[in-house]
Amino acid sequence: MELSRGPMAEEVVNVEELALARILEDCLNGMSRGETDLDALASRYPDARDEIRPLLDIASLLGERSAAAPAYPLQLFDDLKQRLLSQHSAA
């Protein structure tokens, strides 16, 4: 007998996605306050560290380029964040 994903499983994924988004937001806020140690930021959340750390690298790279074109990197990061969250929920 094969078990299917019911509504409860879907809710768990959504809660996990929400938690990941909140963690990412907290880390990005830290970066905007001038925190530059990305490992330290990601390590505040050991359960999500492996997922958050690459996103912080991307945000850092985009932040370095934002002086030249401020709107584009933010939109690019938002698009990438949404894509990664979608991939995470599909896994």
C-alpha atoms as a PDB file:
ATOM      1  CA  MET A   1       0.000   0.000   0.000  1.00  0.00           C
ATOM      2  CA  GLU A   2       1.394   3.367  -1.019  1.00  0.00           C
ATOM      3  CA  LEU A   3       0.894   6.335   1.273  1.00  0.00           C
ATOM      4  CA  SER A   4      -0.049   9.601  -0.343  1.00  0.00           C
ATOM      5  CA  ARG A   5       0.749  13.076   0.886  1.00  0.00           C
ATOM      6  CA  GLY A   6      -2.308  14.405   2.598  1.00  0.00           C
ATOM      7  CA  PRO A   7      -3.148  17.935   3.696  1.00  0.00           C
ATOM      8  CA  MET A   8      -1.107  17.608   6.884  1.00  0.00           C
ATOM      9  CA  ALA A   9       2.083  16.898   4.930  1.00  0.00           C
ATOM     10  CA  GLU A  10       1.403  19.947   2.758  1.00  0.00           C
ATOM     11  CA  GLU A  11       1.002  22.129   5.841  1.00  0.00           C
ATOM     12  CA  VAL A  12       4.338  20.929   7.219  1.00  0.00           C
ATOM     13  CA  VAL A  13       6.097  21.895   4.010  1.00  0.00           C
ATOM     14  CA  ASN A  14       4.508  25.334   4.164  1.00  0.00           C
ATOM     15  CA  VAL A  15       5.559  25.804   7.775  1.00  0.00           C
ATOM     16  CA  GLU A  16       9.104  24.743   6.888  1.00  0.00           C
ATOM     17  CA  GLU A  17       9.159  27.183   3.976  1.00  0.00           C
ATOM     18  CA  LEU A  18       7.878  29.972   6.182  1.00  0.00           C
ATOM     19  CA  ALA A  19      10.520  29.218   8.810  1.00  0.00           C
ATOM     20  CA  LEU A  20      13.242  29.201   6.140  1.00  0.00           C
ATOM     21  CA  ALA A  21      12.022  32.525   4.746  1.00  0.00           C
ATOM     22  CA  ARG A  22      12.032  34.073   8.225  1.00  0.00           C
ATOM     23  CA  ILE A  23      15.546  32.809   8.911  1.00  0.00           C
ATOM     24  CA  LEU A  24      16.729  34.195   5.586  1.00  0.00           C
ATOM     25  CA  GLU A  25      15.077  37.527   6.327  1.00  0.00           C
ATOM     26  CA  ASP A  26      16.775  37.692   9.737  1.00  0.00           C
ATOM     27  CA  CYS A  27      20.169  36.956   8.182  1.00  0.00           C
ATOM     28  CA  LEU A  28      19.631  39.557   5.453  1.00  0.00           C
ATOM     29  CA  ASN A  29      18.692  42.095   8.101  1.00  0.00           C
ATOM     30  CA  GLY A  30      21.938  41.274   9.875  1.00  0.00           C
ATOM     31  CA  MET A  31      23.843  41.845   6.652  1.00  0.00           C
ATOM     32  CA  SER A  32      22.105  45.202   6.185  1.00  0.00           C
ATOM     33  CA  ARG A  33      23.224  46.158   9.701  1.00  0.00           C
ATOM     34  CA  GLY A  34      26.812  45.520   8.629  1.00  0.00           C
ATOM     35  CA  GLU A  35      27.358  41.960   9.809  1.00  0.00           C
ATOM     36  CA  THR A  36      29.864  40.506   7.362  1.00  0.00           C
ATOM     37  CA  ASP A  37      30.613  37.050   8.804  1.00  0.00           C
ATOM     38  CA  LEU A  38      28.215  34.973   6.744  1.00  0.00           C
ATOM     39  CA  ASP A  39      29.219  31.742   8.491  1.00  0.00           C
ATOM     40  CA  ALA A  40      28.327  33.279  11.851  1.00  0.00           C
ATOM     41  CA  LEU A  41      24.976  34.488  10.527  1.00  0.00           C
ATOM     42  CA  ALA A  42      24.091  31.085   9.090  1.00  0.00           C
ATOM     43  CA  SER A  43      25.348  29.278  12.193  1.00  0.00           C
ATOM     44  CA  ARG A  44      22.702  30.985  14.303  1.00  0.00           C
ATOM     45  CA  TYR A  45      20.329  28.501  12.698  1.00  0.00           C
ATOM     46  CA  PRO A  46      22.098  25.117  12.715  1.00  0.00           C
ATOM     47  CA  ASP A  47      19.107  23.221  11.301  1.00  0.00           C
ATOM     48  CA  ALA A  48      18.894  25.533   8.285  1.00  0.00           C
ATOM     49  CA  ARG A  49      22.583  26.418   7.927  1.00  0.00           C
ATOM     50  CA  ASP A  50      23.221  24.302   4.820  1.00  0.00           C
ATOM     51  CA  GLU A  51      20.272  25.848   2.995  1.00  0.00           C
ATOM     52  CA  ILE A  52      20.824  29.432   4.146  1.00  0.00           C
ATOM     53  CA  ARG A  53      24.585  29.747   3.670  1.00  0.00           C
ATOM     54  CA  PRO A  54      24.561  29.626  -0.172  1.00  0.00           C
ATOM     55  CA  LEU A  55      21.742  32.184  -0.234  1.00  0.00           C
ATOM     56  CA  LEU A  56      23.822  34.517   1.926  1.00  0.00           C
ATOM     57  CA  ASP A  57      26.703  34.201  -0.539  1.00  0.00           C
ATOM     58  CA  ILE A  58      24.376  35.229  -3.354  1.00  0.00           C
ATOM     59  CA  ALA A  59      22.984  38.114  -1.324  1.00  0.00           C
ATOM     60  CA  SER A  60      26.506  39.273  -0.549  1.00  0.00           C
ATOM     61  CA  LEU A  61      27.503  39.206  -4.214  1.00  0.00           C
ATOM     62  CA  LEU A  62      24.360  41.066  -5.187  1.00  0.00           C
ATOM     63  CA  GLY A  63      24.969  43.612  -2.446  1.00  0.00           C
ATOM     64  CA  GLU A  64      28.432  44.318  -3.818  1.00  0.00           C
ATOM     65  CA  ARG A  65      26.929  45.044  -7.226  1.00  0.00           C
ATOM     66  CA  SER A  66      23.909  46.990  -5.989  1.00  0.00           C
ATOM     67  CA  ALA A  67      25.713  50.334  -5.993  1.00  0.00           C
ATOM     68  CA  ALA A  68      25.817  50.270  -9.797  1.00  0.00           C
ATOM     69  CA  ALA A  69      22.232  49.103 -10.347  1.00  0.00           C
ATOM     70  CA  PRO A  70      20.275  49.096  -7.088  1.00  0.00           C
ATOM     71  CA  ALA A  71      16.907  47.780  -8.292  1.00  0.00           C
ATOM     72  CA  TYR A  72      18.050  44.887 -10.505  1.00  0.00           C
ATOM     73  CA  PRO A  73      20.018  42.848  -7.919  1.00  0.00           C
ATOM     74  CA  LEU A  74      17.174  43.048  -5.432  1.00  0.00           C
ATOM     75  CA  GLN A  75      14.696  41.755  -7.986  1.00  0.00           C
ATOM     76  CA  LEU A  76      17.155  39.085  -9.101  1.00  0.00           C
ATOM     77  CA  PHE A  77      17.650  37.951  -5.508  1.00  0.00           C
ATOM     78  CA  ASP A  78      13.906  37.869  -4.853  1.00  0.00           C
ATOM     79  CA  ASP A  79      13.397  35.785  -7.993  1.00  0.00           C
ATOM     80  CA  LEU A  80      16.189  33.409  -6.998  1.00  0.00           C
ATOM     81  CA  LYS A  81      14.868  33.134  -3.442  1.00  0.00           C
ATOM     82  CA  GLN A  82      11.420  32.205  -4.747  1.00  0.00           C
ATOM     83  CA  ARG A  83      12.893  29.616  -7.110  1.00  0.00           C
ATOM     84  CA  LEU A  84      14.951  28.025  -4.323  1.00  0.00           C
ATOM     85  CA  LEU A  85      11.996  27.958  -1.950  1.00  0.00           C
ATOM     86  CA  SER A  86       9.908  26.326  -4.672  1.00  0.00           C
ATOM     87  CA  GLN A  87      12.593  23.695  -5.247  1.00  0.00           C
ATOM     88  CA  HIS A  88      12.784  23.088  -1.504  1.00  0.00           C
ATOM     89  CA  SER A  89       9.043  22.501  -1.292  1.00  0.00           C
ATOM     90  CA  ALA A  90       9.143  20.124  -4.241  1.00  0.00           C
ATOM     91  CA  ALA A  91      11.824  17.990  -2.585  1.00  0.00           C
END
